[in-house]
N, C-alpha and C. Protein backbone atom coordinates (compact mmCIF):
# COMPACT_ATOMS: atom_id res chain seq x y z
N UNK A 1 18.27 -13.08 -2.94
CA UNK A 1 18.00 -12.92 -1.58
C UNK A 1 16.49 -12.66 -1.41
N UNK A 2 15.90 -13.30 -0.43
CA UNK A 2 14.38 -12.84 -0.19
C UNK A 2 14.13 -11.46 0.22
N UNK A 3 12.99 -11.11 0.43
CA UNK A 3 12.58 -9.68 0.88
C UNK A 3 13.25 -9.43 2.25
N UNK A 4 13.74 -8.22 2.46
CA UNK A 4 14.18 -7.87 3.75
C UNK A 4 13.16 -6.85 4.47
N UNK A 5 12.35 -6.37 3.70
CA UNK A 5 11.21 -5.39 4.03
C UNK A 5 10.07 -5.30 3.23
N UNK A 6 8.93 -5.43 3.83
CA UNK A 6 7.56 -5.32 3.07
C UNK A 6 6.77 -4.28 3.69
N UNK A 7 6.45 -3.21 2.95
CA UNK A 7 5.60 -2.19 3.49
C UNK A 7 4.24 -2.25 2.60
N UNK A 8 3.13 -2.21 3.60
CA UNK A 8 1.80 -2.29 2.86
C UNK A 8 0.91 -1.14 3.34
N UNK A 9 0.34 -0.58 2.19
CA UNK A 9 -0.45 0.56 2.38
C UNK A 9 -1.87 0.35 1.75
N UNK A 10 -2.81 1.02 2.47
CA UNK A 10 -4.15 0.90 1.72
C UNK A 10 -4.10 1.84 0.57
N UNK A 11 -4.96 1.50 -0.45
CA UNK A 11 -5.15 2.45 -1.57
C UNK A 11 -5.42 3.77 -0.97
N UNK A 12 -5.32 4.80 -1.68
CA UNK A 12 -5.65 6.23 -1.33
C UNK A 12 -7.22 6.44 -1.32
N UNK A 13 -7.67 7.56 -0.89
CA UNK A 13 -9.00 7.78 -0.56
C UNK A 13 -9.91 7.58 -1.72
N UNK A 14 -11.15 6.94 -1.58
CA UNK A 14 -12.02 6.54 -2.49
C UNK A 14 -13.45 7.18 -2.41
N UNK A 15 -14.27 7.04 -3.39
CA UNK A 15 -15.59 7.75 -3.41
C UNK A 15 -16.41 7.41 -2.17
N UNK A 16 -17.19 8.31 -1.71
CA UNK A 16 -18.12 7.90 -0.60
C UNK A 16 -19.16 6.92 -0.99
N UNK A 17 -19.57 6.18 -0.01
CA UNK A 17 -20.60 5.10 -0.23
C UNK A 17 -21.98 5.85 -0.71
N UNK A 18 -22.19 6.86 -0.25
CA UNK A 18 -23.46 7.60 -0.66
C UNK A 18 -23.36 8.37 -1.88
N UNK A 19 -22.25 8.43 -2.46
CA UNK A 19 -22.11 9.16 -3.86
C UNK A 19 -21.83 10.61 -3.84
N UNK A 20 -21.78 11.12 -2.49
CA UNK A 20 -21.56 12.73 -2.39
C UNK A 20 -20.23 13.00 -2.91
N UNK A 21 -19.17 12.23 -2.80
CA UNK A 21 -17.74 12.43 -3.10
C UNK A 21 -17.44 11.40 -4.30
N UNK A 22 -17.23 11.95 -5.42
CA UNK A 22 -17.00 11.02 -6.57
C UNK A 22 -15.66 10.72 -6.82
N UNK A 23 -15.35 9.50 -7.41
CA UNK A 23 -14.03 9.17 -7.99
C UNK A 23 -13.82 10.06 -9.23
N UNK A 24 -12.54 10.40 -9.38
CA UNK A 24 -12.21 11.15 -10.65
C UNK A 24 -11.06 10.41 -11.37
N UNK A 25 -11.19 10.21 -12.63
CA UNK A 25 -10.05 9.73 -13.58
C UNK A 25 -9.08 10.70 -13.77
N UNK A 26 -7.84 10.49 -14.34
CA UNK A 26 -6.89 11.55 -14.55
C UNK A 26 -7.37 12.54 -15.54
N UNK A 27 -8.42 12.20 -16.44
CA UNK A 27 -8.74 13.14 -17.46
C UNK A 27 -9.83 14.11 -16.79
N UNK A 28 -10.28 13.92 -15.69
CA UNK A 28 -11.14 14.58 -14.98
C UNK A 28 -12.58 14.13 -15.03
N UNK A 29 -12.91 13.06 -15.75
CA UNK A 29 -14.15 12.45 -15.74
C UNK A 29 -14.45 11.67 -14.49
N UNK A 30 -15.74 11.66 -14.23
CA UNK A 30 -16.14 10.74 -13.02
C UNK A 30 -16.00 9.23 -13.27
N UNK A 31 -15.45 8.68 -12.29
CA UNK A 31 -15.29 7.15 -12.31
C UNK A 31 -15.29 6.52 -10.95
N UNK A 32 -16.22 5.79 -10.65
CA UNK A 32 -16.45 5.25 -9.37
C UNK A 32 -15.35 4.17 -8.88
N UNK A 33 -14.52 3.75 -9.78
CA UNK A 33 -13.46 2.86 -9.53
C UNK A 33 -12.16 3.66 -9.16
N UNK A 34 -12.21 5.04 -9.29
CA UNK A 34 -10.93 5.76 -9.22
C UNK A 34 -10.97 6.33 -7.74
N UNK A 35 -9.65 7.06 -7.66
CA UNK A 35 -9.46 7.98 -6.43
C UNK A 35 -10.38 9.05 -6.40
N UNK A 36 -10.52 9.65 -5.30
CA UNK A 36 -11.19 11.00 -5.19
C UNK A 36 -9.96 12.07 -5.35
N UNK A 37 -10.32 13.32 -5.35
CA UNK A 37 -9.25 14.46 -5.31
C UNK A 37 -8.23 14.27 -4.22
N UNK A 38 -8.80 14.11 -2.96
CA UNK A 38 -7.77 13.87 -1.99
C UNK A 38 -7.01 12.64 -2.06
N UNK A 39 -7.54 11.65 -2.56
CA UNK A 39 -6.74 10.39 -3.03
C UNK A 39 -5.64 10.59 -3.89
N UNK A 40 -5.90 11.44 -4.98
CA UNK A 40 -4.76 11.76 -5.80
C UNK A 40 -3.72 12.51 -5.11
N UNK A 41 -4.16 13.37 -4.30
CA UNK A 41 -3.27 14.16 -3.39
C UNK A 41 -2.31 13.36 -2.61
N UNK A 42 -2.87 12.32 -2.06
CA UNK A 42 -2.02 11.41 -1.32
C UNK A 42 -1.25 10.53 -2.16
N UNK A 43 -1.60 10.14 -3.21
CA UNK A 43 -0.87 9.38 -4.21
C UNK A 43 0.39 10.20 -4.61
N UNK A 44 0.17 11.56 -4.79
CA UNK A 44 1.33 12.31 -5.17
C UNK A 44 2.34 12.57 -4.04
N UNK A 45 1.72 12.63 -2.81
CA UNK A 45 2.67 12.75 -1.60
C UNK A 45 3.35 11.54 -1.31
N UNK A 46 2.82 10.35 -1.61
CA UNK A 46 3.50 9.15 -1.41
C UNK A 46 4.82 9.01 -2.30
N UNK A 47 4.87 9.68 -3.37
CA UNK A 47 6.13 9.57 -4.19
C UNK A 47 7.33 10.01 -3.37
N UNK A 48 7.45 11.18 -2.90
CA UNK A 48 8.55 11.62 -2.07
C UNK A 48 8.61 11.04 -0.60
N UNK A 49 7.47 10.50 -0.19
CA UNK A 49 7.39 9.69 1.05
C UNK A 49 8.30 8.45 0.96
N UNK A 50 8.21 7.65 -0.09
CA UNK A 50 8.88 6.58 -0.46
C UNK A 50 10.25 6.66 -1.23
N UNK A 51 10.35 7.93 -1.89
CA UNK A 51 11.66 8.15 -2.51
C UNK A 51 11.98 9.52 -2.40
N UNK A 52 12.46 9.84 -1.11
CA UNK A 52 12.81 11.38 -0.79
C UNK A 52 13.88 11.78 -1.55
N UNK A 53 14.00 13.08 -1.90
CA UNK A 53 15.00 13.68 -2.84
C UNK A 53 16.41 13.58 -2.25
N UNK A 54 16.57 13.86 -0.93
CA UNK A 54 17.77 13.76 -0.18
C UNK A 54 18.13 12.39 0.33
N UNK A 55 17.25 11.37 0.14
CA UNK A 55 17.52 10.05 0.68
C UNK A 55 17.04 9.84 2.15
N UNK A 56 16.71 11.05 2.71
CA UNK A 56 16.30 10.92 4.27
C UNK A 56 14.88 10.76 4.39
N UNK A 57 14.38 9.74 4.88
CA UNK A 57 13.06 9.39 5.01
C UNK A 57 12.37 10.05 6.28
N UNK A 58 11.22 10.29 6.31
CA UNK A 58 10.58 10.99 7.50
C UNK A 58 10.44 10.09 8.68
N UNK A 59 10.64 8.69 8.38
CA UNK A 59 10.70 7.61 9.37
C UNK A 59 11.81 6.75 8.94
N UNK A 60 12.79 6.38 9.78
CA UNK A 60 13.91 5.40 9.41
C UNK A 60 13.45 3.95 9.10
N UNK A 61 12.20 3.77 9.49
CA UNK A 61 11.71 2.31 9.15
C UNK A 61 11.14 2.25 7.70
N UNK A 62 11.20 3.36 6.87
CA UNK A 62 10.73 3.32 5.51
C UNK A 62 12.00 3.09 4.68
N UNK A 63 11.73 2.58 3.47
CA UNK A 63 12.77 2.41 2.57
C UNK A 63 12.19 2.58 1.04
N UNK A 64 12.96 2.79 0.06
CA UNK A 64 12.54 2.90 -1.28
C UNK A 64 12.40 1.43 -1.79
N UNK A 65 11.26 1.22 -2.40
CA UNK A 65 10.83 -0.22 -2.90
C UNK A 65 11.73 -0.58 -4.19
N UNK A 66 12.01 -1.82 -4.18
CA UNK A 66 12.53 -2.55 -5.33
C UNK A 66 11.63 -3.08 -6.26
N UNK A 67 10.31 -3.50 -5.73
CA UNK A 67 9.29 -4.12 -6.37
C UNK A 67 7.96 -3.48 -5.75
N UNK A 68 7.03 -3.22 -6.72
CA UNK A 68 5.75 -2.60 -6.08
C UNK A 68 4.70 -3.55 -6.68
N UNK A 69 3.70 -4.01 -5.72
CA UNK A 69 2.52 -4.63 -6.10
C UNK A 69 1.25 -3.79 -5.82
N UNK A 70 0.38 -4.09 -6.67
CA UNK A 70 -0.96 -3.53 -6.41
C UNK A 70 -2.07 -4.45 -6.92
N UNK A 71 -3.34 -4.20 -6.41
CA UNK A 71 -4.33 -5.35 -6.71
C UNK A 71 -4.76 -5.06 -8.23
N UNK A 72 -4.77 -6.19 -8.84
CA UNK A 72 -5.10 -6.23 -10.34
C UNK A 72 -6.80 -5.92 -10.37
N UNK A 73 -7.11 -5.41 -11.42
CA UNK A 73 -8.51 -5.42 -11.77
C UNK A 73 -9.08 -6.84 -12.15
N UNK A 74 -10.25 -7.17 -11.68
CA UNK A 74 -10.68 -8.47 -11.94
C UNK A 74 -12.27 -8.36 -12.06
N UNK A 75 -12.96 -9.41 -12.61
CA UNK A 75 -14.48 -9.30 -12.61
C UNK A 75 -15.01 -8.97 -11.31
N UNK A 76 -14.54 -9.42 -10.11
CA UNK A 76 -15.06 -9.19 -8.95
C UNK A 76 -14.65 -7.92 -8.26
N UNK A 77 -13.56 -7.21 -8.81
CA UNK A 77 -13.06 -5.90 -8.23
C UNK A 77 -12.55 -5.12 -9.32
N UNK A 78 -13.19 -4.32 -9.87
CA UNK A 78 -12.80 -3.45 -10.91
C UNK A 78 -12.01 -2.12 -10.48
N UNK A 79 -11.73 -1.98 -9.20
CA UNK A 79 -10.98 -0.75 -8.74
C UNK A 79 -9.79 -0.49 -9.30
N UNK A 80 -9.50 0.81 -9.61
CA UNK A 80 -8.09 1.12 -10.15
C UNK A 80 -7.33 1.79 -9.04
N UNK A 81 -7.84 2.05 -7.88
CA UNK A 81 -7.40 2.83 -6.84
C UNK A 81 -5.98 2.31 -6.32
N UNK A 82 -5.77 1.00 -5.99
CA UNK A 82 -4.45 0.54 -5.54
C UNK A 82 -3.36 0.84 -6.55
N UNK A 83 -3.70 0.58 -7.86
CA UNK A 83 -2.75 0.80 -8.88
C UNK A 83 -2.34 2.25 -9.02
N UNK A 84 -3.33 3.23 -8.95
CA UNK A 84 -3.11 4.57 -9.05
C UNK A 84 -2.43 5.16 -7.81
N UNK A 85 -2.51 4.46 -6.72
CA UNK A 85 -1.87 5.09 -5.49
C UNK A 85 -0.52 4.84 -5.57
N UNK A 86 0.16 3.99 -6.16
CA UNK A 86 1.44 3.65 -6.24
C UNK A 86 2.10 3.94 -7.59
N UNK A 87 1.31 4.27 -8.63
CA UNK A 87 1.73 4.61 -10.00
C UNK A 87 2.89 5.63 -9.94
N UNK A 88 2.71 6.68 -9.27
CA UNK A 88 3.67 7.80 -9.27
C UNK A 88 4.96 7.41 -8.85
N UNK A 89 4.99 6.42 -7.63
CA UNK A 89 6.41 6.01 -7.10
C UNK A 89 6.97 5.09 -8.18
N UNK A 90 6.15 4.35 -8.70
CA UNK A 90 6.66 3.36 -9.84
C UNK A 90 7.24 4.26 -10.97
N UNK A 91 6.52 5.17 -11.45
CA UNK A 91 7.09 6.05 -12.50
C UNK A 91 8.39 6.73 -12.21
N UNK A 92 8.44 7.27 -10.97
CA UNK A 92 9.78 7.94 -10.61
C UNK A 92 10.97 6.90 -10.66
N UNK A 93 10.59 5.63 -10.18
CA UNK A 93 11.69 4.62 -10.06
C UNK A 93 11.79 3.91 -11.30
N UNK A 94 11.13 4.22 -12.29
CA UNK A 94 11.14 3.62 -13.72
C UNK A 94 10.90 2.07 -13.47
N UNK A 95 9.96 1.59 -12.64
CA UNK A 95 9.65 0.23 -12.31
C UNK A 95 8.14 0.03 -12.69
N UNK A 96 7.79 -1.20 -13.10
CA UNK A 96 6.50 -1.58 -13.21
C UNK A 96 5.64 -1.67 -11.98
N UNK A 97 4.39 -1.58 -11.97
CA UNK A 97 3.63 -1.97 -10.89
C UNK A 97 3.31 -3.54 -11.18
N UNK A 98 3.57 -4.49 -10.38
CA UNK A 98 3.23 -5.84 -10.48
C UNK A 98 1.65 -5.88 -10.26
N UNK A 99 0.90 -6.37 -11.30
CA UNK A 99 -0.44 -6.51 -11.18
C UNK A 99 -0.89 -8.02 -11.37
N UNK A 100 -0.11 -8.86 -10.93
CA UNK A 100 -0.42 -10.36 -11.22
C UNK A 100 -1.56 -10.80 -10.16
N UNK A 101 -1.88 -10.11 -9.09
CA UNK A 101 -2.69 -10.62 -8.01
C UNK A 101 -3.97 -9.69 -7.85
N UNK A 102 -5.05 -10.31 -8.11
CA UNK A 102 -6.27 -9.48 -7.85
C UNK A 102 -6.71 -9.61 -6.43
N UNK A 103 -7.65 -8.86 -5.91
CA UNK A 103 -8.24 -8.96 -4.59
C UNK A 103 -8.78 -10.43 -4.42
N UNK A 104 -8.45 -11.10 -3.44
CA UNK A 104 -8.94 -12.48 -3.11
C UNK A 104 -7.77 -13.38 -3.35
N UNK A 105 -6.65 -12.88 -3.76
CA UNK A 105 -5.38 -13.72 -4.07
C UNK A 105 -4.22 -13.37 -3.11
N UNK A 106 -4.70 -13.01 -1.75
CA UNK A 106 -3.66 -12.29 -0.80
C UNK A 106 -2.69 -13.24 -0.44
N UNK A 107 -2.91 -14.49 -0.20
CA UNK A 107 -1.93 -15.56 0.29
C UNK A 107 -0.92 -15.70 -0.83
N UNK A 108 -1.18 -15.70 -2.10
CA UNK A 108 -0.24 -15.85 -3.27
C UNK A 108 0.55 -14.58 -3.41
N UNK A 109 -0.07 -13.41 -3.10
CA UNK A 109 0.70 -12.04 -3.21
C UNK A 109 1.61 -12.14 -2.13
N UNK A 110 1.25 -12.46 -0.80
CA UNK A 110 2.20 -12.49 0.28
C UNK A 110 3.46 -13.40 -0.01
N UNK A 111 3.05 -14.58 -0.66
CA UNK A 111 4.17 -15.50 -0.93
C UNK A 111 5.21 -14.94 -1.88
N UNK A 112 4.69 -14.22 -3.02
CA UNK A 112 5.47 -13.54 -3.99
C UNK A 112 6.22 -12.31 -3.41
N UNK A 113 5.61 -11.64 -2.49
CA UNK A 113 6.29 -10.42 -1.71
C UNK A 113 7.46 -11.04 -0.88
N UNK A 114 7.27 -11.99 -0.05
CA UNK A 114 8.28 -12.60 0.73
C UNK A 114 9.56 -13.13 -0.17
N UNK A 115 9.16 -13.67 -1.23
CA UNK A 115 10.11 -14.20 -2.18
C UNK A 115 10.93 -13.18 -2.91
N UNK A 116 10.33 -11.96 -3.10
CA UNK A 116 10.89 -10.92 -3.87
C UNK A 116 12.28 -10.52 -3.24
N UNK A 117 13.16 -9.81 -4.16
CA UNK A 117 14.31 -9.36 -3.77
C UNK A 117 14.41 -7.96 -3.13
N UNK A 118 14.82 -7.84 -1.88
CA UNK A 118 14.92 -6.55 -1.35
C UNK A 118 13.71 -5.95 -0.56
N UNK A 119 13.40 -4.81 -1.13
CA UNK A 119 12.22 -4.03 -0.39
C UNK A 119 11.01 -3.97 -1.39
N UNK A 120 9.89 -4.33 -0.70
CA UNK A 120 8.63 -4.46 -1.39
C UNK A 120 7.58 -3.42 -0.97
N UNK A 121 6.82 -2.88 -1.82
CA UNK A 121 5.74 -2.05 -1.39
C UNK A 121 4.51 -2.53 -2.05
N UNK A 122 3.49 -2.72 -1.21
CA UNK A 122 2.14 -3.29 -1.60
C UNK A 122 1.08 -2.28 -1.24
N UNK A 123 0.22 -2.00 -2.30
CA UNK A 123 -1.11 -1.19 -2.18
C UNK A 123 -2.25 -2.08 -2.30
N UNK A 124 -3.06 -2.16 -1.49
CA UNK A 124 -4.23 -2.98 -1.47
C UNK A 124 -5.44 -2.40 -0.78
N UNK A 125 -6.49 -3.22 -0.87
CA UNK A 125 -7.81 -2.88 -0.31
C UNK A 125 -7.78 -3.23 1.19
N UNK A 126 -8.42 -2.23 2.06
CA UNK A 126 -8.09 -2.41 3.42
C UNK A 126 -8.56 -3.72 4.05
N UNK A 127 -9.79 -4.17 3.57
CA UNK A 127 -10.41 -5.24 4.18
C UNK A 127 -9.50 -6.62 4.19
N UNK A 128 -8.63 -6.65 3.08
CA UNK A 128 -7.73 -7.98 2.89
C UNK A 128 -6.27 -7.66 3.42
N UNK A 129 -5.82 -6.55 3.93
CA UNK A 129 -4.66 -6.15 4.37
C UNK A 129 -4.28 -7.21 5.55
N UNK A 130 -5.15 -7.36 6.56
CA UNK A 130 -4.82 -8.29 7.61
C UNK A 130 -4.46 -9.71 7.23
N UNK A 131 -5.20 -10.11 6.09
CA UNK A 131 -4.86 -11.49 5.51
C UNK A 131 -3.45 -11.47 4.95
N UNK A 132 -2.93 -10.37 4.28
CA UNK A 132 -1.70 -10.33 3.69
C UNK A 132 -0.59 -10.37 4.98
N UNK A 133 -0.98 -9.46 5.92
CA UNK A 133 -0.16 -9.47 7.09
C UNK A 133 -0.01 -10.81 7.88
N UNK A 134 -1.16 -11.68 7.98
CA UNK A 134 -1.09 -12.94 8.65
C UNK A 134 -0.33 -13.89 7.78
N UNK A 135 -0.33 -13.84 6.38
CA UNK A 135 0.45 -14.71 5.63
C UNK A 135 1.82 -14.47 5.75
N UNK A 136 2.28 -13.03 5.86
CA UNK A 136 3.87 -12.76 6.04
C UNK A 136 4.18 -13.20 7.42
N UNK A 137 3.41 -12.94 8.49
CA UNK A 137 3.82 -13.28 9.78
C UNK A 137 3.70 -14.73 10.13
N UNK A 138 2.85 -15.55 9.54
CA UNK A 138 2.68 -16.86 9.88
C UNK A 138 1.63 -17.02 11.02
N UNK A 139 0.99 -16.05 11.34
CA UNK A 139 0.05 -16.17 12.48
C UNK A 139 -1.06 -15.12 12.38
N UNK A 140 -1.98 -15.20 13.26
CA UNK A 140 -3.17 -14.25 13.28
C UNK A 140 -3.26 -13.44 14.53
N UNK A 141 -2.07 -13.39 15.33
CA UNK A 141 -2.05 -12.68 16.56
C UNK A 141 -1.16 -11.36 16.65
N UNK A 142 -0.08 -11.51 15.67
CA UNK A 142 0.81 -10.21 15.87
C UNK A 142 0.23 -9.05 15.20
N UNK A 143 -0.49 -9.04 14.13
CA UNK A 143 -1.02 -7.75 13.49
C UNK A 143 -2.44 -7.57 13.86
N UNK A 144 -2.79 -6.27 13.80
CA UNK A 144 -4.38 -5.97 14.03
C UNK A 144 -5.10 -6.93 12.87
N UNK A 145 -6.30 -7.31 13.29
CA UNK A 145 -6.97 -8.17 12.33
C UNK A 145 -8.15 -7.23 11.70
N UNK A 146 -8.04 -5.96 11.80
CA UNK A 146 -8.95 -5.19 11.06
C UNK A 146 -8.26 -3.87 10.83
N UNK A 147 -8.27 -3.49 9.48
CA UNK A 147 -7.67 -2.17 9.12
C UNK A 147 -8.96 -1.13 9.09
N UNK A 148 -9.05 -0.09 9.86
CA UNK A 148 -10.19 0.75 9.98
C UNK A 148 -10.49 1.37 8.57
N UNK A 149 -11.82 1.36 8.43
CA UNK A 149 -12.26 1.79 7.01
C UNK A 149 -12.04 3.30 6.88
N UNK A 150 -11.78 4.09 7.99
CA UNK A 150 -11.65 5.50 7.68
C UNK A 150 -10.16 5.91 7.67
N UNK A 151 -9.27 4.86 7.68
CA UNK A 151 -7.71 5.14 7.65
C UNK A 151 -7.14 4.91 6.34
N UNK A 152 -6.61 5.90 5.71
CA UNK A 152 -5.89 5.74 4.47
C UNK A 152 -4.38 6.17 4.75
N UNK A 153 -4.12 6.39 5.87
CA UNK A 153 -2.80 7.13 6.22
C UNK A 153 -1.77 6.26 7.10
N UNK A 154 -1.81 5.03 6.85
CA UNK A 154 -0.83 4.05 7.68
C UNK A 154 0.07 3.35 6.72
N UNK A 155 1.04 2.84 7.29
CA UNK A 155 1.91 1.98 6.55
C UNK A 155 2.26 0.85 7.63
N UNK A 156 1.97 -0.43 7.22
CA UNK A 156 2.39 -1.51 8.09
C UNK A 156 3.62 -2.02 7.45
N UNK A 157 4.69 -2.09 8.34
CA UNK A 157 6.07 -2.49 7.88
C UNK A 157 6.51 -3.73 8.55
N UNK A 158 7.02 -4.63 7.65
CA UNK A 158 7.47 -5.90 8.20
C UNK A 158 8.86 -6.02 7.68
N UNK A 159 9.81 -6.17 8.68
CA UNK A 159 11.28 -6.14 8.54
C UNK A 159 11.80 -7.51 8.91
N UNK A 160 12.80 -7.94 8.20
CA UNK A 160 13.50 -9.08 8.33
C UNK A 160 14.90 -8.90 7.68
N UNK A 161 15.82 -7.96 8.39
CA UNK A 161 16.94 -7.45 7.72
C UNK A 161 17.93 -8.50 7.13
N UNK A 162 18.00 -9.60 7.56
CA UNK A 162 18.87 -10.61 6.97
C UNK A 162 18.24 -11.35 5.76
N UNK A 163 17.00 -11.15 5.63
CA UNK A 163 16.41 -11.93 4.61
C UNK A 163 15.86 -13.26 5.00
N UNK A 164 16.11 -13.61 6.29
CA UNK A 164 15.64 -14.91 6.78
C UNK A 164 15.32 -14.76 8.35
N UNK A 165 14.75 -15.61 8.90
CA UNK A 165 14.27 -15.67 10.33
C UNK A 165 13.02 -15.03 10.40
N UNK A 166 12.72 -14.53 11.59
CA UNK A 166 11.27 -14.05 11.95
C UNK A 166 11.18 -12.57 11.34
N UNK A 167 9.94 -12.31 11.09
CA UNK A 167 9.56 -10.89 10.61
C UNK A 167 9.16 -10.13 11.93
N UNK A 168 9.48 -8.81 11.86
CA UNK A 168 9.16 -7.85 12.92
C UNK A 168 8.07 -6.91 12.28
N UNK A 169 7.02 -6.74 13.04
CA UNK A 169 5.91 -5.97 12.60
C UNK A 169 5.88 -4.63 13.26
N UNK A 170 5.67 -3.41 12.53
CA UNK A 170 5.46 -2.13 13.05
C UNK A 170 4.61 -1.36 12.15
N UNK A 171 4.10 -0.28 12.76
CA UNK A 171 3.14 0.50 11.96
C UNK A 171 3.71 2.03 11.97
N UNK A 172 3.50 2.67 10.90
CA UNK A 172 3.76 4.17 10.70
C UNK A 172 2.68 5.00 10.42
N UNK A 173 2.38 6.02 10.93
CA UNK A 173 1.45 7.07 10.52
C UNK A 173 2.10 7.98 9.55
N UNK A 174 1.45 8.00 8.21
CA UNK A 174 1.93 8.69 7.23
C UNK A 174 2.21 10.21 7.47
N UNK A 175 1.17 10.81 7.99
CA UNK A 175 1.24 12.33 8.31
C UNK A 175 1.64 13.00 7.08
N UNK A 176 0.84 12.82 5.92
CA UNK A 176 1.18 13.49 4.79
C UNK A 176 0.17 14.55 4.31
N UNK A 177 -1.07 14.43 4.80
CA UNK A 177 -2.17 15.34 4.38
C UNK A 177 -2.71 16.05 5.63
N UNK A 178 -3.42 17.12 5.56
CA UNK A 178 -4.10 17.69 6.70
C UNK A 178 -5.17 16.56 7.21
N UNK A 179 -5.41 16.52 8.47
CA UNK A 179 -6.24 15.51 9.02
C UNK A 179 -5.77 14.20 9.06
N UNK A 180 -4.52 13.93 8.65
CA UNK A 180 -4.05 12.45 8.75
C UNK A 180 -3.83 12.27 10.37
N UNK A 181 -4.10 11.12 10.78
CA UNK A 181 -3.95 10.83 12.21
C UNK A 181 -2.51 10.39 12.63
N UNK A 182 -2.07 10.70 13.80
CA UNK A 182 -0.88 10.30 14.29
C UNK A 182 -0.82 9.12 14.90
N UNK A 183 -1.85 8.47 15.36
CA UNK A 183 -2.01 7.21 16.00
C UNK A 183 -2.03 6.01 15.03
N UNK A 184 -1.76 4.83 15.53
CA UNK A 184 -1.78 3.68 14.71
C UNK A 184 -2.96 2.65 15.35
N UNK A 185 -3.11 1.60 14.67
CA UNK A 185 -4.27 0.71 15.12
C UNK A 185 -3.73 -0.45 15.94
């Protein structure tokens, strides 16, 4: 059965453009391709956001994923942020993170996500998320065409409960960390 729900998140917080906030690897070393401390906090909070202990989600539009995609490292994009944003969820579920698609391969990623069985979670770079959304929806008018650069705290949810027919698009504010915004775009 094809996907019934696709949830798309931006990778967690990244280093500042001016270098004042550095990325940090799991061993504590500085790495510009990694999450910042707040990003690691968000990645940890996302574990129980998508896999709640009691099975009750903070928002009923969420679900525990059957398959998890993140952008692969490639010569044109060496970032580890998408992978590390969802690695904790994958570890808890004993599932691999699918890394077959690098940034720039959004249409193929969307096709694989739609064809996947059940519930899909995708972590990606914000500039390309509207392209993923457009590929899922089959148009460029349903979803916002820009993911704000300052927002790491959203989930774009695509629902198709029967696994066929039209997709329904909704947004959820994560509200996981202090200063997360309650509004959507």
